[in-house]
Amino acid sequence: MSRDRRAELMARMSAGFSRNMEAADRFLSCAEHTRGERSQHKLAGFFVHQAVETVYRSLIKALDGYDKKCHQIRALQKDVRICAPQFQAVFSDRNKEERRLLDLLEDCYLRGRYDETFTISGEDLDALITKAGSLRESAERIVAGIT
């Protein structure tokens, strides 16, 4: 591949990744805005899920060129493991508490919208928002390292 063609592809990938990170930032901003009201915690959890999903999908697309259409965080993690194994540290299955938070994040997508009995505590929501922000920053560093 010529140097010019490679530069063009990298610029296109970088621009797409940046647009997606702006979307992830908007989801996180919505989560932070709605977390202050207890009645909106489920909605805030959904926004966190969308931010995390967007980061994972964007990283897969940037590193593999594959636009994976999936809402399951663990399924997205499997694809990321192939191209960026260091990325797994933020949302892991290392211990019982990490698994619980990852399960909760996945539940925020469907149960947060459709299950009237689903709840999420303010502490868990804060933890998920913090982790989502760390995930976003990690993705930015990984992509910056290849461009």
Protein backbone atom coordinates (compact mmCIF):
# COMPACT_ATOMS: atom_id res chain seq x y z
CA MET A 1 0.00 0.00 0.00
CA SER A 2 1.36 3.41 -0.89
CA ARG A 3 2.19 5.89 1.82
CA ASP A 4 -0.47 8.30 0.50
CA ARG A 5 -3.15 5.61 0.50
CA ARG A 6 -2.20 4.53 4.01
CA ALA A 7 -2.32 8.15 5.22
CA GLU A 8 -5.75 8.58 3.63
CA LEU A 9 -7.09 5.44 5.31
CA MET A 10 -5.65 6.42 8.69
CA ALA A 11 -7.16 9.90 8.41
CA ARG A 12 -10.58 8.45 7.56
CA MET A 13 -10.36 5.95 10.43
CA SER A 14 -9.28 8.66 12.84
CA ALA A 15 -12.11 10.99 11.81
CA GLY A 16 -14.69 8.21 12.22
CA PHE A 17 -13.28 7.26 15.59
CA SER A 18 -13.41 10.90 16.74
CA ARG A 19 -17.06 11.21 15.70
CA ASN A 20 -17.90 8.07 17.64
CA MET A 21 -16.05 9.30 20.72
CA GLU A 22 -18.10 12.50 20.57
CA ALA A 23 -21.24 10.33 20.65
CA ALA A 24 -19.84 8.38 23.63
CA ASP A 25 -19.11 11.69 25.37
CA ARG A 26 -22.71 12.82 24.81
CA PHE A 27 -24.04 9.56 26.29
CA LEU A 28 -21.78 9.98 29.33
CA SER A 29 -22.85 13.59 29.71
CA CYS A 30 -26.51 12.50 29.66
CA ALA A 31 -25.76 9.83 32.27
CA GLU A 32 -24.08 12.36 34.54
CA HIS A 33 -26.92 14.81 34.08
CA THR A 34 -29.66 12.27 34.92
CA ARG A 35 -27.89 10.48 37.78
CA GLY A 36 -28.75 13.24 40.24
CA GLU A 37 -32.41 12.29 40.25
CA ARG A 38 -33.16 8.87 41.74
CA SER A 39 -36.15 8.33 39.47
CA GLN A 40 -33.82 8.69 36.46
CA HIS A 41 -31.14 6.18 37.54
CA LYS A 42 -32.39 3.52 35.12
CA LEU A 43 -32.18 5.99 32.25
CA ALA A 44 -28.71 7.06 33.36
CA GLY A 45 -27.66 3.41 33.40
CA PHE A 46 -28.94 3.02 29.84
CA PHE A 47 -26.86 6.04 28.78
CA VAL A 48 -23.76 4.52 30.40
CA HIS A 49 -24.38 1.28 28.52
CA GLN A 50 -24.67 3.19 25.25
CA ALA A 51 -21.42 5.04 25.94
CA VAL A 52 -19.56 1.79 26.68
CA GLU A 53 -21.07 0.04 23.66
CA THR A 54 -20.07 2.96 21.42
CA VAL A 55 -16.49 2.90 22.70
CA TYR A 56 -16.12 -0.85 22.16
CA ARG A 57 -17.70 -0.78 18.70
CA SER A 58 -15.57 2.21 17.70
CA LEU A 59 -12.38 0.55 18.84
CA ILE A 60 -13.23 -2.64 16.93
CA LYS A 61 -13.91 -0.61 13.80
CA ALA A 62 -10.72 1.44 14.18
CA LEU A 63 -8.47 -1.55 14.79
CA ASP A 64 -10.13 -4.26 12.69
CA GLY A 65 -12.22 -2.31 10.20
CA TYR A 66 -15.27 -4.32 11.27
CA ASP A 67 -18.50 -2.51 12.19
CA LYS A 68 -19.92 -4.97 14.71
CA LYS A 69 -23.62 -4.45 15.34
CA CYS A 70 -24.10 -5.77 18.85
CA HIS A 71 -25.42 -4.50 22.18
CA GLN A 72 -23.90 -7.16 24.44
CA ILE A 73 -20.82 -5.78 26.17
CA ARG A 74 -19.24 -9.21 26.75
CA ALA A 75 -19.63 -10.09 23.06
CA LEU A 76 -17.97 -6.82 22.09
CA GLN A 77 -15.20 -7.52 24.60
CA LYS A 78 -14.38 -10.78 22.84
CA ASP A 79 -13.63 -8.90 19.61
CA VAL A 80 -11.61 -6.27 21.44
CA ARG A 81 -9.51 -8.96 23.14
CA ILE A 82 -8.15 -9.91 19.74
CA CYS A 83 -6.99 -6.44 18.73
CA ALA A 84 -6.42 -4.70 22.11
CA PRO A 85 -6.06 -7.17 24.99
CA GLN A 86 -4.88 -4.41 27.37
CA PHE A 87 -8.33 -2.84 27.03
CA GLN A 88 -9.95 -5.59 29.13
CA ALA A 89 -8.84 -4.20 32.47
CA VAL A 90 -11.63 -1.60 32.84
CA PHE A 91 -14.68 -3.88 32.69
CA SER A 92 -13.39 -7.28 33.68
CA ASP A 93 -14.60 -10.55 35.11
CA ARG A 94 -11.62 -10.73 37.50
CA ASN A 95 -13.65 -11.08 40.67
CA LYS A 96 -17.19 -11.26 41.98
CA GLU A 97 -17.63 -7.47 42.28
CA GLU A 98 -16.29 -6.81 38.77
CA ARG A 99 -18.63 -9.47 37.36
CA ARG A 100 -21.56 -7.94 39.25
CA LEU A 101 -20.87 -4.49 37.79
CA LEU A 102 -20.48 -5.91 34.28
CA ASP A 103 -23.75 -7.86 34.70
CA LEU A 104 -25.43 -4.67 35.92
CA LEU A 105 -24.11 -2.72 32.94
CA GLU A 106 -25.47 -5.33 30.55
CA ASP A 107 -28.82 -5.29 32.39
CA CYS A 108 -29.05 -1.53 31.92
CA TYR A 109 -29.64 -2.00 28.20
CA LEU A 110 -32.89 -3.98 28.30
CA ARG A 111 -33.99 -4.29 31.90
CA GLY A 112 -33.36 -0.60 32.50
CA ARG A 113 -35.92 0.26 29.85
CA TYR A 114 -38.51 -2.51 30.14
CA ASP A 115 -38.38 -4.07 33.62
CA GLU A 116 -40.30 -2.03 36.18
CA THR A 117 -38.56 -3.87 39.04
CA PHE A 118 -35.03 -3.09 37.81
CA THR A 119 -33.11 -0.67 40.03
CA ILE A 120 -29.60 0.70 40.13
CA SER A 121 -28.09 2.39 43.16
CA GLY A 122 -26.40 5.75 43.01
CA GLU A 123 -23.13 4.13 44.09
CA ASP A 124 -23.28 1.55 41.31
CA LEU A 125 -24.20 4.21 38.80
CA ASP A 126 -21.24 6.34 39.89
CA ALA A 127 -18.93 3.33 39.56
CA LEU A 128 -20.22 2.55 36.06
CA ILE A 129 -19.87 6.18 34.94
CA THR A 130 -16.30 6.29 36.25
CA LYS A 131 -15.42 3.03 34.51
CA ALA A 132 -17.03 4.20 31.26
CA GLY A 133 -14.91 7.36 31.37
CA SER A 134 -11.76 5.29 31.93
CA LEU A 135 -12.72 3.00 29.05
CA ARG A 136 -13.17 5.98 26.75
CA GLU A 137 -9.77 7.41 27.73
CA SER A 138 -8.09 4.03 27.18
CA ALA A 139 -9.61 3.73 23.71
CA GLU A 140 -8.38 7.21 22.84
CA ARG A 141 -4.81 6.29 23.89
CA ILE A 142 -4.88 3.02 21.92
CA VAL A 143 -6.05 4.69 18.71
CA ALA A 144 -3.65 7.62 19.17
CA GLY A 145 -0.84 5.06 19.38
CA ILE A 146 -1.61 3.67 15.92
CA THR A 147 -2.27 6.92 14.05
